[in-house]
Amino acid sequence: MNDTDRELLDRVRALHATLTQRTVLLSHVQSDVDIFAEGMRDLGADLTSVGDALLGRVRELDATPVATSGADSSALVARLAGQLADIGRP
Protein backbone atom coordinates (compact mmCIF):
# COMPACT_ATOMS: atom_id res chain seq x y z
CA MET A 1 0.00 0.00 0.00
CA ASN A 2 1.29 3.43 -0.91
CA ASP A 3 0.25 7.01 -0.13
CA THR A 4 -2.19 7.04 -3.05
CA ASP A 5 -3.87 3.89 -1.71
CA ARG A 6 -4.14 5.45 1.74
CA GLU A 7 -5.70 8.59 0.28
CA LEU A 8 -8.14 6.49 -1.71
CA LEU A 9 -9.15 4.49 1.37
CA ASP A 10 -9.51 7.78 3.28
CA ARG A 11 -11.98 8.91 0.60
CA VAL A 12 -13.94 5.69 1.07
CA ARG A 13 -13.96 6.19 4.85
CA ALA A 14 -15.10 9.81 4.50
CA LEU A 15 -17.95 8.80 2.19
CA HIS A 16 -18.90 5.95 4.52
CA ALA A 17 -19.09 8.39 7.43
CA THR A 18 -21.84 10.35 5.65
CA LEU A 19 -23.89 7.59 4.01
CA THR A 20 -26.33 7.00 6.86
CA GLN A 21 -27.09 10.69 7.34
CA ARG A 22 -27.46 11.27 3.63
CA THR A 23 -29.82 8.35 3.11
CA VAL A 24 -31.92 9.39 6.11
CA LEU A 25 -32.14 12.95 4.78
CA LEU A 26 -33.08 11.66 1.34
CA SER A 27 -35.86 9.55 2.80
CA HIS A 28 -37.24 12.65 4.54
CA VAL A 29 -37.24 14.86 1.43
CA GLN A 30 -38.79 12.36 -0.99
CA SER A 31 -41.91 14.47 -1.31
CA ASP A 32 -39.91 17.40 -2.74
CA VAL A 33 -38.84 16.01 -6.11
CA ASP A 34 -36.30 18.76 -6.81
CA ILE A 35 -34.46 18.42 -3.50
CA PHE A 36 -34.67 14.62 -3.64
CA ALA A 37 -33.27 14.53 -7.18
CA GLU A 38 -30.43 16.89 -6.26
CA GLY A 39 -29.53 14.80 -3.21
CA MET A 40 -29.63 11.60 -5.23
CA ARG A 41 -27.50 13.24 -7.94
CA ASP A 42 -24.89 14.36 -5.38
CA LEU A 43 -24.80 10.96 -3.70
CA GLY A 44 -24.53 9.18 -7.04
CA ALA A 45 -21.70 11.47 -8.15
CA ASP A 46 -19.78 10.84 -4.93
CA LEU A 47 -20.27 7.07 -5.16
CA THR A 48 -19.27 7.08 -8.82
CA SER A 49 -16.17 9.16 -8.16
CA VAL A 50 -14.91 6.89 -5.40
CA GLY A 51 -15.92 3.75 -7.32
CA ASP A 52 -14.12 4.91 -10.46
CA ALA A 53 -11.00 5.70 -8.44
CA LEU A 54 -11.10 2.26 -6.79
CA LEU A 55 -11.55 0.47 -10.09
CA GLY A 56 -8.77 2.53 -11.65
CA ARG A 57 -6.43 1.47 -8.87
CA VAL A 58 -7.47 -2.17 -9.32
CA ARG A 59 -6.59 -1.92 -13.03
CA GLU A 60 -3.14 -0.59 -12.04
CA LEU A 61 -2.67 -3.42 -9.56
CA ASP A 62 -3.85 -6.03 -12.06
CA ALA A 63 -1.26 -4.77 -14.54
CA THR A 64 1.55 -5.01 -11.98
CA PRO A 65 3.51 -8.25 -12.00
CA VAL A 66 3.30 -10.05 -8.67
CA ALA A 67 6.46 -11.44 -7.14
CA THR A 68 5.68 -14.92 -5.89
CA SER A 69 7.57 -16.73 -3.20
CA GLY A 70 6.11 -20.13 -3.97
CA ALA A 71 3.20 -22.09 -5.35
CA ASP A 72 1.11 -21.44 -2.24
CA SER A 73 1.09 -17.66 -2.80
CA SER A 74 -1.50 -17.83 -5.60
CA ALA A 75 -3.80 -19.94 -3.42
CA LEU A 76 -3.42 -17.41 -0.60
CA VAL A 77 -4.20 -14.50 -2.92
CA ALA A 78 -7.29 -16.29 -4.25
CA ARG A 79 -8.51 -17.08 -0.73
CA LEU A 80 -8.01 -13.49 0.45
CA ALA A 81 -9.74 -12.10 -2.64
CA GLY A 82 -12.70 -14.38 -1.95
CA GLN A 83 -12.86 -13.23 1.66
CA LEU A 84 -12.80 -9.57 0.59
CA ALA A 85 -15.58 -10.23 -1.91
CA ASP A 86 -17.67 -11.94 0.77
CA ILE A 87 -17.29 -8.94 3.09
CA GLY A 88 -18.75 -6.69 0.39
CA ARG A 89 -21.87 -8.80 -0.13
CA PRO A 90 -25.02 -7.83 1.75
C-alpha atoms as a PDB file:
ATOM      1  CA  MET A   1       0.000   0.000   0.000  1.00  0.00           C
ATOM      2  CA  ASN A   2       1.291   3.431  -0.912  1.00  0.00           C
ATOM      3  CA  ASP A   3       0.246   7.011  -0.130  1.00  0.00           C
ATOM      4  CA  THR A   4      -2.186   7.040  -3.053  1.00  0.00           C
ATOM      5  CA  ASP A   5      -3.870   3.892  -1.714  1.00  0.00           C
ATOM      6  CA  ARG A   6      -4.138   5.451   1.745  1.00  0.00           C
ATOM      7  CA  GLU A   7      -5.696   8.595   0.276  1.00  0.00           C
ATOM      8  CA  LEU A   8      -8.142   6.492  -1.710  1.00  0.00           C
ATOM      9  CA  LEU A   9      -9.148   4.493   1.370  1.00  0.00           C
ATOM     10  CA  ASP A  10      -9.515   7.780   3.281  1.00  0.00           C
ATOM     11  CA  ARG A  11     -11.977   8.911   0.600  1.00  0.00           C
ATOM     12  CA  VAL A  12     -13.941   5.689   1.068  1.00  0.00           C
ATOM     13  CA  ARG A  13     -13.961   6.194   4.853  1.00  0.00           C
ATOM     14  CA  ALA A  14     -15.103   9.813   4.498  1.00  0.00           C
ATOM     15  CA  LEU A  15     -17.948   8.796   2.195  1.00  0.00           C
ATOM     16  CA  HIS A  16     -18.897   5.948   4.518  1.00  0.00           C
ATOM     17  CA  ALA A  17     -19.095   8.387   7.433  1.00  0.00           C
ATOM     18  CA  THR A  18     -21.843  10.354   5.647  1.00  0.00           C
ATOM     19  CA  LEU A  19     -23.888   7.588   4.014  1.00  0.00           C
ATOM     20  CA  THR A  20     -26.327   7.002   6.860  1.00  0.00           C
ATOM     21  CA  GLN A  21     -27.088  10.687   7.337  1.00  0.00           C
ATOM     22  CA  ARG A  22     -27.456  11.266   3.631  1.00  0.00           C
ATOM     23  CA  THR A  23     -29.817   8.352   3.110  1.00  0.00           C
ATOM     24  CA  VAL A  24     -31.923   9.392   6.113  1.00  0.00           C
ATOM     25  CA  LEU A  25     -32.136  12.947   4.775  1.00  0.00           C
ATOM     26  CA  LEU A  26     -33.079  11.660   1.336  1.00  0.00           C
ATOM     27  CA  SER A  27     -35.864   9.550   2.798  1.00  0.00           C
ATOM     28  CA  HIS A  28     -37.243  12.649   4.543  1.00  0.00           C
ATOM     29  CA  VAL A  29     -37.240  14.857   1.429  1.00  0.00           C
ATOM     30  CA  GLN A  30     -38.792  12.359  -0.991  1.00  0.00           C
ATOM     31  CA  SER A  31     -41.911  14.468  -1.311  1.00  0.00           C
ATOM     32  CA  ASP A  32     -39.913  17.403  -2.745  1.00  0.00           C
ATOM     33  CA  VAL A  33     -38.837  16.012  -6.105  1.00  0.00           C
ATOM     34  CA  ASP A  34     -36.296  18.761  -6.812  1.00  0.00           C
ATOM     35  CA  ILE A  35     -34.458  18.415  -3.497  1.00  0.00           C
ATOM     36  CA  PHE A  36     -34.668  14.621  -3.638  1.00  0.00           C
ATOM     37  CA  ALA A  37     -33.271  14.528  -7.181  1.00  0.00           C
ATOM     38  CA  GLU A  38     -30.426  16.887  -6.256  1.00  0.00           C
ATOM     39  CA  GLY A  39     -29.532  14.799  -3.207  1.00  0.00           C
ATOM     40  CA  MET A  40     -29.630  11.603  -5.229  1.00  0.00           C
ATOM     41  CA  ARG A  41     -27.503  13.239  -7.938  1.00  0.00           C
ATOM     42  CA  ASP A  42     -24.890  14.355  -5.383  1.00  0.00           C
ATOM     43  CA  LEU A  43     -24.797  10.961  -3.703  1.00  0.00           C
ATOM     44  CA  GLY A  44     -24.530   9.178  -7.044  1.00  0.00           C
ATOM     45  CA  ALA A  45     -21.702  11.466  -8.149  1.00  0.00           C
ATOM     46  CA  ASP A  46     -19.782  10.836  -4.929  1.00  0.00           C
ATOM     47  CA  LEU A  47     -20.273   7.070  -5.155  1.00  0.00           C
ATOM     48  CA  THR A  48     -19.272   7.077  -8.816  1.00  0.00           C
ATOM     49  CA  SER A  49     -16.174   9.162  -8.164  1.00  0.00           C
ATOM     50  CA  VAL A  50     -14.913   6.886  -5.398  1.00  0.00           C
ATOM     51  CA  GLY A  51     -15.918   3.753  -7.321  1.00  0.00           C
ATOM     52  CA  ASP A  52     -14.121   4.908 -10.462  1.00  0.00           C
ATOM     53  CA  ALA A  53     -10.997   5.696  -8.438  1.00  0.00           C
ATOM     54  CA  LEU A  54     -11.096   2.265  -6.785  1.00  0.00           C
ATOM     55  CA  LEU A  55     -11.551   0.471 -10.093  1.00  0.00           C
ATOM     56  CA  GLY A  56      -8.767   2.534 -11.652  1.00  0.00           C
ATOM     57  CA  ARG A  57      -6.428   1.468  -8.872  1.00  0.00           C
ATOM     58  CA  VAL A  58      -7.472  -2.170  -9.324  1.00  0.00           C
ATOM     59  CA  ARG A  59      -6.587  -1.919 -13.033  1.00  0.00           C
ATOM     60  CA  GLU A  60      -3.143  -0.595 -12.037  1.00  0.00           C
ATOM     61  CA  LEU A  61      -2.671  -3.422  -9.562  1.00  0.00           C
ATOM     62  CA  ASP A  62      -3.847  -6.034 -12.058  1.00  0.00           C
ATOM     63  CA  ALA A  63      -1.255  -4.765 -14.540  1.00  0.00           C
ATOM     64  CA  THR A  64       1.554  -5.010 -11.978  1.00  0.00           C
ATOM     65  CA  PRO A  65       3.508  -8.246 -12.001  1.00  0.00           C
ATOM     66  CA  VAL A  66       3.301 -10.046  -8.673  1.00  0.00           C
ATOM     67  CA  ALA A  67       6.465 -11.443  -7.142  1.00  0.00           C
ATOM     68  CA  THR A  68       5.683 -14.923  -5.893  1.00  0.00           C
ATOM     69  CA  SER A  69       7.572 -16.733  -3.197  1.00  0.00           C
ATOM     70  CA  GLY A  70       6.108 -20.129  -3.969  1.00  0.00           C
ATOM     71  CA  ALA A  71       3.197 -22.086  -5.353  1.00  0.00           C
ATOM     72  CA  ASP A  72       1.110 -21.442  -2.238  1.00  0.00           C
ATOM     73  CA  SER A  73       1.086 -17.660  -2.798  1.00  0.00           C
ATOM     74  CA  SER A  74      -1.496 -17.833  -5.604  1.00  0.00           C
ATOM     75  CA  ALA A  75      -3.796 -19.936  -3.423  1.00  0.00           C
ATOM     76  CA  LEU A  76      -3.422 -17.407  -0.596  1.00  0.00           C
ATOM     77  CA  VAL A  77      -4.202 -14.499  -2.921  1.00  0.00           C
ATOM     78  CA  ALA A  78      -7.292 -16.289  -4.253  1.00  0.00           C
ATOM     79  CA  ARG A  79      -8.506 -17.076  -0.732  1.00  0.00           C
ATOM     80  CA  LEU A  80      -8.012 -13.489   0.455  1.00  0.00           C
ATOM     81  CA  ALA A  81      -9.738 -12.102  -2.636  1.00  0.00           C
ATOM     82  CA  GLY A  82     -12.696 -14.383  -1.953  1.00  0.00           C
ATOM     83  CA  GLN A  83     -12.861 -13.231   1.664  1.00  0.00           C
ATOM     84  CA  LEU A  84     -12.798  -9.574   0.595  1.00  0.00           C
ATOM     85  CA  ALA A  85     -15.575 -10.227  -1.909  1.00  0.00           C
ATOM     86  CA  ASP A  86     -17.671 -11.942   0.769  1.00  0.00           C
ATOM     87  CA  ILE A  87     -17.287  -8.939   3.090  1.00  0.00           C
ATOM     88  CA  GLY A  88     -18.745  -6.693   0.394  1.00  0.00           C
ATOM     89  CA  ARG A  89     -21.866  -8.796  -0.126  1.00  0.00           C
ATOM     90  CA  PRO A  90     -25.023  -7.828   1.749  1.00  0.00           C
END
